Amino acid sequence: MSPDDVSYLSENGIESGTHGLSHESLANLPVKDQVNELTKSFQFLDTVTDLRTNRLIAYPFGSDSEKTLEIARSLGVKIGVVYRGAKLAELSNDALEHLELDRIDIMFFDKFMKGEFD
């Protein structure tokens, strides 16, 4: 998406989060590279939206680690979603924080809507 696209979505009530700057598997990166990847991706969003207080992330490839979560916390991330191969997402109401919420892969959405899930 272009900066104008993201800005347009934000102006029309759509919240945007990050999927990383270069779509790297975060858990496989050195800590300094994880920090750089997430910091720069949020800096981009900050230049085109007013969402600085509501940071969201979908971890690329479902790749996160305890260190990734620490970095996310330090950057003010409120919601993090991770894909772990499940066809349906589950939500734990007793979770203390929401940095590893399940998500379904968008690649399955069409099958889901057609009732083709097994």
C-alpha atoms as a PDB file:
ATOM      1  CA  MET A   1       0.000   0.000   0.000  1.00  0.00           C
ATOM      2  CA  SER A   2       1.091   3.522  -0.642  1.00  0.00           C
ATOM      3  CA  PRO A   3       1.229   6.132   2.119  1.00  0.00           C
ATOM      4  CA  ASP A   4      -1.864   7.751   0.576  1.00  0.00           C
ATOM      5  CA  ASP A   5      -3.730   4.414   0.725  1.00  0.00           C
ATOM      6  CA  VAL A   6      -2.926   3.929   4.410  1.00  0.00           C
ATOM      7  CA  SER A   7      -3.814   7.541   5.182  1.00  0.00           C
ATOM      8  CA  TYR A   8      -7.144   7.187   3.369  1.00  0.00           C
ATOM      9  CA  LEU A   9      -8.021   4.060   5.336  1.00  0.00           C
ATOM     10  CA  SER A  10      -7.114   5.760   8.613  1.00  0.00           C
ATOM     11  CA  GLU A  11      -9.165   8.853   7.783  1.00  0.00           C
ATOM     12  CA  ASN A  12     -12.141   6.579   7.170  1.00  0.00           C
ATOM     13  CA  GLY A  13     -11.966   4.722  10.472  1.00  0.00           C
ATOM     14  CA  ILE A  14      -9.918   1.689   9.440  1.00  0.00           C
ATOM     15  CA  GLU A  15      -7.122   0.825  11.840  1.00  0.00           C
ATOM     16  CA  SER A  16      -3.835  -0.254  10.336  1.00  0.00           C
ATOM     17  CA  GLY A  17      -1.074  -2.224  11.937  1.00  0.00           C
ATOM     18  CA  THR A  18       2.267  -3.514  10.837  1.00  0.00           C
ATOM     19  CA  HIS A  19       3.364  -6.747   9.252  1.00  0.00           C
ATOM     20  CA  GLY A  20       6.964  -5.645   9.572  1.00  0.00           C
ATOM     21  CA  LEU A  21       9.017  -3.426   7.336  1.00  0.00           C
ATOM     22  CA  SER A  22      10.334  -6.123   5.011  1.00  0.00           C
ATOM     23  CA  HIS A  23       8.142  -9.114   5.976  1.00  0.00           C
ATOM     24  CA  GLU A  24      10.933 -10.955   7.780  1.00  0.00           C
ATOM     25  CA  SER A  25      10.477 -13.896  10.127  1.00  0.00           C
ATOM     26  CA  LEU A  26      11.034 -11.865  13.306  1.00  0.00           C
ATOM     27  CA  ALA A  27      12.019 -14.683  15.661  1.00  0.00           C
ATOM     28  CA  ASN A  28      14.860 -15.608  13.307  1.00  0.00           C
ATOM     29  CA  LEU A  29      16.377 -12.122  13.333  1.00  0.00           C
ATOM     30  CA  PRO A  30      18.930 -10.810  15.821  1.00  0.00           C
ATOM     31  CA  VAL A  31      17.336  -8.578  18.459  1.00  0.00           C
ATOM     32  CA  LYS A  32      18.750  -5.355  16.978  1.00  0.00           C
ATOM     33  CA  ASP A  33      17.259  -6.271  13.591  1.00  0.00           C
ATOM     34  CA  GLN A  34      13.881  -7.031  15.179  1.00  0.00           C
ATOM     35  CA  VAL A  35      13.930  -3.629  16.877  1.00  0.00           C
ATOM     36  CA  ASN A  36      14.848  -1.953  13.581  1.00  0.00           C
ATOM     37  CA  GLU A  37      12.188  -3.877  11.649  1.00  0.00           C
ATOM     38  CA  LEU A  38       9.386  -2.946  14.048  1.00  0.00           C
ATOM     39  CA  THR A  39      10.542   0.589  14.856  1.00  0.00           C
ATOM     40  CA  LYS A  40      10.816   1.598  11.212  1.00  0.00           C
ATOM     41  CA  SER A  41       7.491   0.026  10.295  1.00  0.00           C
ATOM     42  CA  PHE A  42       5.745   1.984  13.066  1.00  0.00           C
ATOM     43  CA  GLN A  43       7.604   5.155  12.066  1.00  0.00           C
ATOM     44  CA  PHE A  44       6.106   4.740   8.593  1.00  0.00           C
ATOM     45  CA  LEU A  45       2.607   4.345  10.030  1.00  0.00           C
ATOM     46  CA  ASP A  46       3.157   7.374  12.269  1.00  0.00           C
ATOM     47  CA  THR A  47       3.856   9.539   9.223  1.00  0.00           C
ATOM     48  CA  VAL A  48       0.550   8.671   7.537  1.00  0.00           C
ATOM     49  CA  THR A  49      -1.893   7.997  10.403  1.00  0.00           C
ATOM     50  CA  ASP A  50      -2.889   9.293  13.800  1.00  0.00           C
ATOM     51  CA  LEU A  51      -2.813   5.832  15.386  1.00  0.00           C
ATOM     52  CA  ARG A  52       0.285   6.230  17.555  1.00  0.00           C
ATOM     53  CA  THR A  53      -1.654   5.187  20.640  1.00  0.00           C
ATOM     54  CA  ASN A  54      -3.131   2.022  19.155  1.00  0.00           C
ATOM     55  CA  ARG A  55      -0.322  -0.099  17.781  1.00  0.00           C
ATOM     56  CA  LEU A  56      -1.203  -3.405  16.129  1.00  0.00           C
ATOM     57  CA  ILE A  57       0.941  -6.164  14.618  1.00  0.00           C
ATOM     58  CA  ALA A  58       0.427  -9.357  12.653  1.00  0.00           C
ATOM     59  CA  TYR A  59       3.693 -11.253  13.032  1.00  0.00           C
ATOM     60  CA  PRO A  60       5.011 -12.273   9.603  1.00  0.00           C
ATOM     61  CA  PHE A  61       4.899 -16.053   9.182  1.00  0.00           C
ATOM     62  CA  GLY A  62       3.501 -16.324  12.726  1.00  0.00           C
ATOM     63  CA  SER A  63       7.062 -15.752  13.855  1.00  0.00           C
ATOM     64  CA  ASP A  64       7.492 -14.301  17.302  1.00  0.00           C
ATOM     65  CA  SER A  65       9.567 -15.058  20.366  1.00  0.00           C
ATOM     66  CA  GLU A  66       9.682 -13.835  23.943  1.00  0.00           C
ATOM     67  CA  LYS A  67      12.209 -11.227  22.803  1.00  0.00           C
ATOM     68  CA  THR A  68       9.849 -10.131  19.992  1.00  0.00           C
ATOM     69  CA  LEU A  69       7.081  -9.720  22.569  1.00  0.00           C
ATOM     70  CA  GLU A  70       9.370  -7.637  24.800  1.00  0.00           C
ATOM     71  CA  ILE A  71      10.171  -5.385  21.846  1.00  0.00           C
ATOM     72  CA  ALA A  72       6.483  -5.107  20.953  1.00  0.00           C
ATOM     73  CA  ARG A  73       5.641  -4.136  24.533  1.00  0.00           C
ATOM     74  CA  SER A  74       8.398  -1.514  24.576  1.00  0.00           C
ATOM     75  CA  LEU A  75       6.988   0.013  21.366  1.00  0.00           C
ATOM     76  CA  GLY A  76       3.490   0.228  22.838  1.00  0.00           C
ATOM     77  CA  VAL A  77       1.913  -2.579  20.818  1.00  0.00           C
ATOM     78  CA  LYS A  78      -1.565  -3.317  22.199  1.00  0.00           C
ATOM     79  CA  ILE A  79      -2.686  -6.151  19.900  1.00  0.00           C
ATOM     80  CA  GLY A  80      -0.591  -8.846  18.224  1.00  0.00           C
ATOM     81  CA  VAL A  81      -1.954 -11.635  16.058  1.00  0.00           C
ATOM     82  CA  VAL A  82      -0.180 -14.806  15.069  1.00  0.00           C
ATOM     83  CA  TYR A  83      -1.065 -17.544  12.585  1.00  0.00           C
ATOM     84  CA  ARG A  84      -0.135 -21.015  13.832  1.00  0.00           C
ATOM     85  CA  GLY A  85      -1.908 -23.136  11.245  1.00  0.00           C
ATOM     86  CA  ALA A  86      -5.348 -23.206  12.855  1.00  0.00           C
ATOM     87  CA  LYS A  87      -8.353 -22.976  10.575  1.00  0.00           C
ATOM     88  CA  LEU A  88     -10.342 -21.154  13.230  1.00  0.00           C
ATOM     89  CA  ALA A  89      -9.013 -18.580  15.665  1.00  0.00           C
ATOM     90  CA  GLU A  90      -9.601 -19.024  19.373  1.00  0.00           C
ATOM     91  CA  LEU A  91      -9.728 -16.227  21.919  1.00  0.00           C
ATOM     92  CA  SER A  92      -8.844 -16.727  25.547  1.00  0.00           C
ATOM     93  CA  ASN A  93     -10.832 -14.284  27.663  1.00  0.00           C
ATOM     94  CA  ASP A  94      -8.469 -14.722  30.590  1.00  0.00           C
ATOM     95  CA  ALA A  95      -5.364 -13.583  28.692  1.00  0.00           C
ATOM     96  CA  LEU A  96      -3.482 -10.858  30.544  1.00  0.00           C
ATOM     97  CA  GLU A  97      -2.269  -9.260  27.372  1.00  0.00           C
ATOM     98  CA  HIS A  98      -3.208  -9.558  23.756  1.00  0.00           C
ATOM     99  CA  LEU A  99       0.122  -9.879  21.977  1.00  0.00           C
ATOM    100  CA  GLU A 100      -0.379 -13.433  20.685  1.00  0.00           C
ATOM    101  CA  LEU A 101      -3.989 -13.695  19.582  1.00  0.00           C
ATOM    102  CA  ASP A 102      -4.817 -16.429  17.078  1.00  0.00           C
ATOM    103  CA  ARG A 103      -5.731 -15.416  13.566  1.00  0.00           C
ATOM    104  CA  ILE A 104      -6.786 -17.325  10.509  1.00  0.00           C
ATOM    105  CA  ASP A 105      -4.805 -16.990   7.316  1.00  0.00           C
ATOM    106  CA  ILE A 106      -6.542 -14.816   4.731  1.00  0.00           C
ATOM    107  CA  MET A 107      -5.720 -17.504   2.180  1.00  0.00           C
ATOM    108  CA  PHE A 108      -8.459 -19.630   3.781  1.00  0.00           C
ATOM    109  CA  PHE A 109     -11.097 -16.890   3.945  1.00  0.00           C
ATOM    110  CA  ASP A 110     -12.708 -17.664   0.576  1.00  0.00           C
ATOM    111  CA  LYS A 111     -12.997 -21.370   1.461  1.00  0.00           C
ATOM    112  CA  PHE A 112     -14.423 -20.448   4.846  1.00  0.00           C
ATOM    113  CA  MET A 113     -17.083 -18.210   3.290  1.00  0.00           C
ATOM    114  CA  LYS A 114     -18.039 -20.973   0.810  1.00  0.00           C
ATOM    115  CA  GLY A 115     -18.359 -23.553   3.615  1.00  0.00           C
ATOM    116  CA  GLU A 116     -15.469 -25.602   2.254  1.00  0.00           C
ATOM    117  CA  PHE A 117     -13.637 -25.979   5.562  1.00  0.00           C
ATOM    118  CA  ASP A 118     -13.321 -29.568   6.694  1.00  0.00           C
END
